């Protein structure tokens, strides 16, 4: 049986959990924004590396030292590939951060539902107890053989 103090405590606990969940969601949002900025920087670096590779190819295309052109091309493409790999890895990390944010949001909603269910059960228990007390009081007032 839940008394008003227990219900108030349940509501305080629910509010604390909601506040913590909101802070966690805000932190996840900030992490996601930082991740997006990092992805943009990596994508820009990848584009710069590809542009450098193309510039190197154009610069050495007419050069008799074609081996040097191939070397520059390979270096530039390797750097671009590394940048692309970093972009993919950060994309996976970002997907993980989004999943963590979704998980935090779901956990917050689940906690709110549990607290609400507990409050409903406590209210039902309080009503049932009140009804039982009223029935007992009525039974105590009833005396056999006495007219009401």
N, C-alpha and C. Protein backbone atom coordinates (compact mmCIF):
# COMPACT_ATOMS: atom_id res chain seq x y z
N UNK A 1 0.85 -1.16 0.00
CA UNK A 1 0.00 0.00 0.00
C UNK A 1 0.90 1.23 0.00
N UNK A 2 0.65 2.13 -0.90
CA UNK A 2 1.49 3.32 -1.04
C UNK A 2 0.79 4.51 -0.40
N UNK A 3 1.54 5.21 0.42
CA UNK A 3 0.97 6.42 1.00
C UNK A 3 1.42 7.62 0.18
N UNK A 4 0.87 8.79 0.46
CA UNK A 4 1.22 9.98 -0.34
C UNK A 4 2.72 10.28 -0.35
N UNK A 5 3.40 9.97 0.76
CA UNK A 5 4.85 10.22 0.78
C UNK A 5 5.57 9.32 -0.21
N UNK A 6 5.13 8.06 -0.30
CA UNK A 6 5.75 7.15 -1.26
C UNK A 6 5.48 7.60 -2.69
N UNK A 7 4.26 8.05 -2.94
CA UNK A 7 3.93 8.54 -4.28
C UNK A 7 4.77 9.77 -4.62
N UNK A 8 4.91 10.67 -3.64
CA UNK A 8 5.74 11.86 -3.87
C UNK A 8 7.18 11.46 -4.14
N UNK A 9 7.66 10.46 -3.39
CA UNK A 9 9.02 9.99 -3.60
C UNK A 9 9.16 9.37 -4.99
N UNK A 10 8.17 8.59 -5.42
CA UNK A 10 8.20 8.01 -6.76
C UNK A 10 8.25 9.10 -7.83
N UNK A 11 7.47 10.15 -7.62
CA UNK A 11 7.47 11.24 -8.60
C UNK A 11 8.80 11.99 -8.59
N UNK A 12 9.41 12.16 -7.41
CA UNK A 12 10.74 12.80 -7.36
C UNK A 12 11.78 11.95 -8.09
N UNK A 13 11.71 10.64 -7.86
CA UNK A 13 12.64 9.73 -8.55
C UNK A 13 12.43 9.81 -10.05
N UNK A 14 11.17 9.83 -10.48
CA UNK A 14 10.89 9.94 -11.92
C UNK A 14 11.44 11.24 -12.48
N UNK A 15 11.29 12.34 -11.73
CA UNK A 15 11.80 13.63 -12.22
C UNK A 15 13.32 13.61 -12.31
N UNK A 16 13.97 13.01 -11.31
CA UNK A 16 15.44 12.91 -11.35
C UNK A 16 15.87 12.10 -12.57
N UNK A 17 15.17 10.98 -12.82
CA UNK A 17 15.52 10.15 -13.98
C UNK A 17 15.28 10.90 -15.29
N UNK A 18 14.17 11.66 -15.34
CA UNK A 18 13.91 12.45 -16.55
C UNK A 18 15.00 13.48 -16.76
N UNK A 19 15.42 14.15 -15.66
CA UNK A 19 16.47 15.16 -15.77
C UNK A 19 17.78 14.53 -16.23
N UNK A 20 18.12 13.38 -15.64
CA UNK A 20 19.35 12.69 -16.05
C UNK A 20 19.28 12.26 -17.51
N UNK A 21 18.11 11.76 -17.91
CA UNK A 21 17.93 11.36 -19.30
C UNK A 21 18.06 12.54 -20.24
N UNK A 22 17.51 13.69 -19.84
CA UNK A 22 17.61 14.89 -20.68
C UNK A 22 19.06 15.33 -20.81
N UNK A 23 19.82 15.25 -19.70
CA UNK A 23 21.25 15.60 -19.75
C UNK A 23 21.99 14.63 -20.66
N UNK A 24 21.68 13.34 -20.54
CA UNK A 24 22.34 12.34 -21.40
C UNK A 24 22.02 12.58 -22.87
N UNK A 25 20.77 12.93 -23.16
CA UNK A 25 20.40 13.22 -24.55
C UNK A 25 21.10 14.47 -25.06
N UNK A 26 21.23 15.49 -24.20
CA UNK A 26 21.94 16.71 -24.61
C UNK A 26 23.41 16.40 -24.87
N UNK A 27 24.03 15.60 -23.98
CA UNK A 27 25.43 15.22 -24.19
C UNK A 27 25.59 14.43 -25.48
N UNK A 28 24.66 13.52 -25.74
CA UNK A 28 24.72 12.73 -26.98
C UNK A 28 24.55 13.64 -28.19
N UNK A 29 23.68 14.64 -28.07
CA UNK A 29 23.50 15.59 -29.18
C UNK A 29 24.75 16.40 -29.44
N UNK A 30 25.44 16.82 -28.35
CA UNK A 30 26.69 17.56 -28.53
C UNK A 30 27.76 16.67 -29.15
N UNK A 31 27.82 15.42 -28.69
CA UNK A 31 28.79 14.49 -29.27
C UNK A 31 28.50 14.26 -30.75
N UNK A 32 27.22 14.18 -31.07
CA UNK A 32 26.84 13.98 -32.47
C UNK A 32 27.23 15.19 -33.32
N UNK A 33 27.03 16.40 -32.78
CA UNK A 33 27.42 17.61 -33.52
C UNK A 33 28.93 17.65 -33.72
N UNK A 34 29.69 17.29 -32.68
CA UNK A 34 31.16 17.26 -32.81
C UNK A 34 31.57 16.21 -33.84
N UNK A 35 30.89 15.07 -33.82
CA UNK A 35 31.18 14.00 -34.78
C UNK A 35 30.88 14.47 -36.20
N UNK A 36 29.77 15.18 -36.38
CA UNK A 36 29.42 15.72 -37.70
C UNK A 36 30.48 16.70 -38.19
N UNK A 37 30.97 17.55 -37.28
CA UNK A 37 32.01 18.51 -37.66
C UNK A 37 33.29 17.78 -38.05
N UNK A 38 33.64 16.73 -37.29
CA UNK A 38 34.84 15.96 -37.61
C UNK A 38 34.68 15.26 -38.96
N UNK A 39 33.49 14.72 -39.22
CA UNK A 39 33.24 14.08 -40.52
C UNK A 39 33.37 15.08 -41.66
N UNK A 40 32.89 16.29 -41.44
CA UNK A 40 33.01 17.33 -42.47
C UNK A 40 34.47 17.66 -42.73
N UNK A 41 35.27 17.76 -41.64
CA UNK A 41 36.70 18.04 -41.81
C UNK A 41 37.41 16.91 -42.55
N UNK A 42 37.06 15.67 -42.22
CA UNK A 42 37.69 14.53 -42.89
C UNK A 42 37.29 14.49 -44.36
N UNK A 43 36.02 14.77 -44.64
CA UNK A 43 35.57 14.79 -46.03
C UNK A 43 36.30 15.88 -46.82
N UNK A 44 36.51 17.04 -46.18
CA UNK A 44 37.26 18.12 -46.84
C UNK A 44 38.70 17.70 -47.09
N UNK A 45 39.30 17.01 -46.11
CA UNK A 45 40.68 16.52 -46.29
C UNK A 45 40.75 15.49 -47.41
N UNK A 46 39.72 14.65 -47.48
CA UNK A 46 39.68 13.65 -48.55
C UNK A 46 39.60 14.33 -49.92
N UNK A 47 38.76 15.33 -50.04
CA UNK A 47 38.64 16.06 -51.29
C UNK A 47 39.95 16.77 -51.64
N UNK A 48 40.61 17.33 -50.63
CA UNK A 48 41.89 18.00 -50.88
C UNK A 48 42.94 17.00 -51.35
N UNK A 49 42.95 15.81 -50.75
CA UNK A 49 43.91 14.79 -51.16
C UNK A 49 43.64 14.33 -52.59
N UNK A 50 42.37 14.17 -52.93
CA UNK A 50 42.04 13.79 -54.31
C UNK A 50 42.43 14.89 -55.29
N UNK A 51 42.20 16.14 -54.90
CA UNK A 51 42.59 17.26 -55.76
C UNK A 51 44.11 17.29 -55.93
N UNK A 52 44.84 17.02 -54.84
CA UNK A 52 46.31 16.99 -54.93
C UNK A 52 46.77 15.86 -55.84
N UNK A 53 46.10 14.72 -55.75
CA UNK A 53 46.46 13.60 -56.63
C UNK A 53 46.22 13.96 -58.09
N UNK A 54 45.09 14.58 -58.36
CA UNK A 54 44.81 14.99 -59.74
C UNK A 54 45.80 16.04 -60.22
N UNK A 55 46.15 16.99 -59.33
CA UNK A 55 47.13 18.02 -59.70
C UNK A 55 48.49 17.39 -59.97
N UNK A 56 48.87 16.41 -59.15
CA UNK A 56 50.15 15.74 -59.36
C UNK A 56 50.15 14.99 -60.69
N UNK A 57 49.05 14.36 -60.99
CA UNK A 57 48.96 13.63 -62.26
C UNK A 57 49.08 14.60 -63.44
N UNK A 58 48.35 15.72 -63.34
CA UNK A 58 48.42 16.71 -64.43
C UNK A 58 49.82 17.32 -64.54
N UNK A 59 50.46 17.58 -63.41
CA UNK A 59 51.78 18.22 -63.43
C UNK A 59 52.83 17.32 -64.06
N UNK A 60 52.71 16.03 -63.81
CA UNK A 60 53.74 15.12 -64.31
C UNK A 60 53.30 14.34 -65.53
N UNK A 61 52.15 14.65 -66.08
CA UNK A 61 51.65 13.88 -67.22
C UNK A 61 52.56 13.98 -68.43
N UNK A 62 53.09 15.16 -68.68
CA UNK A 62 53.95 15.35 -69.85
C UNK A 62 55.43 15.16 -69.51
N UNK A 63 55.72 14.89 -68.28
CA UNK A 63 57.10 14.75 -67.83
C UNK A 63 57.64 13.40 -68.30
N UNK A 64 58.86 13.39 -68.83
CA UNK A 64 59.44 12.11 -69.24
C UNK A 64 59.66 11.18 -68.05
N UNK A 65 59.78 11.76 -66.86
CA UNK A 65 59.98 10.92 -65.68
C UNK A 65 58.62 10.43 -65.19
N UNK A 66 58.04 9.54 -65.96
CA UNK A 66 56.70 9.03 -65.68
C UNK A 66 56.66 8.25 -64.37
N UNK A 67 57.77 7.65 -64.01
CA UNK A 67 57.83 6.89 -62.76
C UNK A 67 57.57 7.81 -61.57
N UNK A 68 58.14 9.04 -61.66
CA UNK A 68 57.91 10.01 -60.59
C UNK A 68 56.42 10.37 -60.51
N UNK A 69 55.78 10.51 -61.67
CA UNK A 69 54.35 10.83 -61.69
C UNK A 69 53.55 9.70 -61.04
N UNK A 70 53.92 8.47 -61.34
CA UNK A 70 53.24 7.33 -60.74
C UNK A 70 53.42 7.31 -59.22
N UNK A 71 54.62 7.66 -58.77
CA UNK A 71 54.89 7.70 -57.34
C UNK A 71 54.01 8.75 -56.65
N UNK A 72 53.97 9.95 -57.24
CA UNK A 72 53.14 11.01 -56.66
C UNK A 72 51.67 10.61 -56.67
N UNK A 73 51.27 9.97 -57.74
CA UNK A 73 49.88 9.54 -57.84
C UNK A 73 49.56 8.51 -56.75
N UNK A 74 50.46 7.55 -56.57
CA UNK A 74 50.25 6.52 -55.56
C UNK A 74 50.19 7.12 -54.15
N UNK A 75 51.10 8.06 -53.87
CA UNK A 75 51.11 8.72 -52.55
C UNK A 75 49.79 9.46 -52.32
N UNK A 76 49.38 10.22 -53.32
CA UNK A 76 48.15 11.01 -53.17
C UNK A 76 46.94 10.10 -53.02
N UNK A 77 46.88 9.03 -53.80
CA UNK A 77 45.75 8.10 -53.70
C UNK A 77 45.75 7.38 -52.36
N UNK A 78 46.94 7.02 -51.85
CA UNK A 78 47.01 6.40 -50.53
C UNK A 78 46.46 7.33 -49.45
N UNK A 79 46.85 8.59 -49.55
CA UNK A 79 46.35 9.56 -48.57
C UNK A 79 44.84 9.73 -48.69
N UNK A 80 44.36 9.76 -49.92
CA UNK A 80 42.91 9.88 -50.12
C UNK A 80 42.20 8.64 -49.59
N UNK A 81 42.80 7.47 -49.82
CA UNK A 81 42.21 6.23 -49.30
C UNK A 81 42.17 6.21 -47.79
N UNK A 82 43.25 6.70 -47.16
CA UNK A 82 43.28 6.79 -45.70
C UNK A 82 42.19 7.73 -45.20
N UNK A 83 42.03 8.86 -45.87
CA UNK A 83 40.98 9.81 -45.49
C UNK A 83 39.60 9.19 -45.65
N UNK A 84 39.42 8.44 -46.74
CA UNK A 84 38.13 7.78 -46.96
C UNK A 84 37.86 6.73 -45.89
N UNK A 85 38.92 5.99 -45.52
CA UNK A 85 38.77 4.98 -44.47
C UNK A 85 38.40 5.65 -43.15
N UNK A 86 39.05 6.77 -42.84
CA UNK A 86 38.70 7.51 -41.62
C UNK A 86 37.26 7.98 -41.66
N UNK A 87 36.83 8.44 -42.84
CA UNK A 87 35.44 8.89 -42.98
C UNK A 87 34.48 7.75 -42.70
N UNK A 88 34.78 6.56 -43.25
CA UNK A 88 33.91 5.41 -43.01
C UNK A 88 33.90 5.02 -41.53
N UNK A 89 35.10 5.01 -40.90
CA UNK A 89 35.17 4.65 -39.47
C UNK A 89 34.40 5.65 -38.62
N UNK A 90 34.55 6.93 -38.94
CA UNK A 90 33.82 7.93 -38.16
C UNK A 90 32.33 7.84 -38.42
N UNK A 91 31.96 7.46 -39.63
CA UNK A 91 30.54 7.24 -39.91
C UNK A 91 29.98 6.11 -39.07
N UNK A 92 30.78 5.03 -38.92
CA UNK A 92 30.34 3.92 -38.06
C UNK A 92 30.24 4.37 -36.61
N UNK A 93 31.22 5.18 -36.16
CA UNK A 93 31.17 5.70 -34.79
C UNK A 93 29.94 6.59 -34.60
N UNK A 94 29.66 7.39 -35.62
CA UNK A 94 28.49 8.28 -35.55
C UNK A 94 27.21 7.46 -35.48
N UNK A 95 27.15 6.38 -36.29
CA UNK A 95 25.98 5.50 -36.22
C UNK A 95 25.85 4.90 -34.82
N UNK A 96 27.00 4.55 -34.22
CA UNK A 96 26.98 4.03 -32.85
C UNK A 96 26.49 5.08 -31.87
N UNK A 97 26.92 6.34 -32.07
CA UNK A 97 26.47 7.42 -31.18
C UNK A 97 24.97 7.65 -31.34
N UNK A 98 24.49 7.58 -32.57
CA UNK A 98 23.05 7.74 -32.80
C UNK A 98 22.28 6.60 -32.14
N UNK A 99 22.82 5.38 -32.27
CA UNK A 99 22.16 4.23 -31.63
C UNK A 99 22.16 4.40 -30.11
N UNK A 100 23.28 4.89 -29.56
CA UNK A 100 23.35 5.12 -28.11
C UNK A 100 22.35 6.18 -27.69
N UNK A 101 22.21 7.22 -28.51
CA UNK A 101 21.24 8.27 -28.20
C UNK A 101 19.82 7.70 -28.24
N UNK A 102 19.53 6.89 -29.25
CA UNK A 102 18.21 6.27 -29.33
C UNK A 102 17.96 5.34 -28.14
N UNK A 103 19.01 4.60 -27.75
CA UNK A 103 18.90 3.69 -26.60
C UNK A 103 18.63 4.49 -25.33
N UNK A 104 19.32 5.62 -25.16
CA UNK A 104 19.10 6.46 -23.97
C UNK A 104 17.68 7.00 -23.96
N UNK A 105 17.20 7.42 -25.11
CA UNK A 105 15.83 7.94 -25.20
C UNK A 105 14.83 6.84 -24.87
N UNK A 106 15.06 5.63 -25.38
CA UNK A 106 14.15 4.51 -25.10
C UNK A 106 14.19 4.14 -23.62
N UNK A 107 15.39 4.16 -23.02
CA UNK A 107 15.51 3.85 -21.59
C UNK A 107 14.78 4.89 -20.75
N UNK A 108 14.89 6.15 -21.15
CA UNK A 108 14.20 7.22 -20.43
C UNK A 108 12.69 7.02 -20.51
N UNK A 109 12.19 6.73 -21.70
CA UNK A 109 10.75 6.50 -21.85
C UNK A 109 10.30 5.28 -21.06
N UNK A 110 11.13 4.25 -21.06
CA UNK A 110 10.79 3.03 -20.33
C UNK A 110 10.75 3.32 -18.82
N UNK A 111 11.69 4.11 -18.33
CA UNK A 111 11.69 4.48 -16.91
C UNK A 111 10.45 5.28 -16.56
N UNK A 112 10.08 6.21 -17.44
CA UNK A 112 8.87 7.00 -17.19
C UNK A 112 7.63 6.10 -17.16
N UNK A 113 7.57 5.14 -18.07
CA UNK A 113 6.43 4.22 -18.09
C UNK A 113 6.38 3.40 -16.80
N UNK A 114 7.55 2.92 -16.35
CA UNK A 114 7.59 2.13 -15.11
C UNK A 114 7.13 2.95 -13.91
N UNK A 115 7.59 4.19 -13.84
CA UNK A 115 7.17 5.04 -12.72
C UNK A 115 5.67 5.31 -12.79
N UNK A 116 5.17 5.57 -14.00
CA UNK A 116 3.73 5.79 -14.15
C UNK A 116 2.94 4.54 -13.76
N UNK A 117 3.43 3.37 -14.17
CA UNK A 117 2.75 2.13 -13.80
C UNK A 117 2.77 1.92 -12.29
N UNK A 118 3.90 2.24 -11.66
CA UNK A 118 3.98 2.11 -10.21
C UNK A 118 3.01 3.06 -9.53
N UNK A 119 2.89 4.26 -10.06
CA UNK A 119 1.94 5.22 -9.48
C UNK A 119 0.51 4.73 -9.63
N UNK A 120 0.19 4.15 -10.79
CA UNK A 120 -1.16 3.60 -11.01
C UNK A 120 -1.42 2.46 -10.05
N UNK A 121 -0.44 1.55 -9.88
CA UNK A 121 -0.61 0.44 -8.95
C UNK A 121 -0.77 0.94 -7.52
N UNK A 122 0.02 1.95 -7.15
CA UNK A 122 -0.08 2.51 -5.80
C UNK A 122 -1.44 3.14 -5.57
N UNK A 123 -1.94 3.86 -6.57
CA UNK A 123 -3.27 4.47 -6.44
C UNK A 123 -4.35 3.40 -6.32
N UNK A 124 -4.25 2.34 -7.11
CA UNK A 124 -5.22 1.25 -7.04
C UNK A 124 -5.15 0.56 -5.68
N UNK A 125 -3.94 0.36 -5.17
CA UNK A 125 -3.78 -0.27 -3.85
C UNK A 125 -4.37 0.62 -2.76
N UNK A 126 -4.14 1.92 -2.88
CA UNK A 126 -4.69 2.85 -1.89
C UNK A 126 -6.22 2.83 -1.93
N UNK A 127 -6.79 2.80 -3.13
CA UNK A 127 -8.25 2.75 -3.25
C UNK A 127 -8.80 1.44 -2.68
N UNK A 128 -8.13 0.33 -2.98
CA UNK A 128 -8.58 -0.97 -2.47
C UNK A 128 -8.50 -0.99 -0.95
N UNK A 129 -7.42 -0.45 -0.40
CA UNK A 129 -7.28 -0.41 1.06
C UNK A 129 -8.37 0.45 1.68
N UNK A 130 -8.66 1.57 1.04
CA UNK A 130 -9.72 2.45 1.53
C UNK A 130 -11.06 1.74 1.50
N UNK A 131 -11.32 1.01 0.43
CA UNK A 131 -12.58 0.26 0.31
C UNK A 131 -12.66 -0.81 1.40
N UNK A 132 -11.55 -1.53 1.64
CA UNK A 132 -11.53 -2.55 2.68
C UNK A 132 -11.77 -1.94 4.06
N UNK A 133 -11.16 -0.78 4.31
CA UNK A 133 -11.38 -0.10 5.59
C UNK A 133 -12.85 0.29 5.76
N UNK A 134 -13.46 0.79 4.68
CA UNK A 134 -14.87 1.15 4.75
C UNK A 134 -15.74 -0.08 5.02
N UNK A 135 -15.41 -1.20 4.37
CA UNK A 135 -16.17 -2.43 4.58
C UNK A 135 -16.03 -2.91 6.02
N UNK A 136 -14.82 -2.86 6.56
CA UNK A 136 -14.59 -3.28 7.95
C UNK A 136 -15.34 -2.37 8.92
N UNK A 137 -15.32 -1.08 8.62
CA UNK A 137 -16.03 -0.15 9.49
C UNK A 137 -17.53 -0.45 9.47
N UNK A 138 -18.05 -0.76 8.29
CA UNK A 138 -19.47 -1.09 8.18
C UNK A 138 -19.78 -2.38 8.93
N UNK A 139 -18.86 -3.38 8.84
CA UNK A 139 -19.06 -4.63 9.55
C UNK A 139 -19.02 -4.41 11.06
N UNK A 140 -18.11 -3.54 11.50
CA UNK A 140 -18.00 -3.26 12.93
C UNK A 140 -19.25 -2.58 13.46
N UNK A 141 -19.89 -1.78 12.62
CA UNK A 141 -21.11 -1.09 13.04
C UNK A 141 -22.32 -2.02 13.05
N UNK A 142 -22.25 -3.11 12.29
CA UNK A 142 -23.38 -4.03 12.19
C UNK A 142 -23.42 -4.92 13.43
N UNK A 143 -24.54 -4.90 14.10
CA UNK A 143 -24.73 -5.77 15.27
C UNK A 143 -25.96 -6.63 14.98
N UNK A 144 -25.81 -7.97 14.99
CA UNK A 144 -26.96 -8.83 14.69
C UNK A 144 -28.09 -8.63 15.71
N UNK A 145 -29.30 -8.61 15.22
CA UNK A 145 -30.47 -8.48 16.07
C UNK A 145 -30.83 -7.04 16.37
N UNK A 146 -30.05 -6.13 15.95
CA UNK A 146 -30.31 -4.71 16.19
C UNK A 146 -30.82 -4.08 14.92
N UNK A 147 -31.84 -3.27 15.03
CA UNK A 147 -32.40 -2.62 13.85
C UNK A 147 -31.56 -1.40 13.51
N UNK A 148 -31.36 -1.19 12.21
CA UNK A 148 -30.54 -0.02 11.84
C UNK A 148 -31.26 1.29 12.08
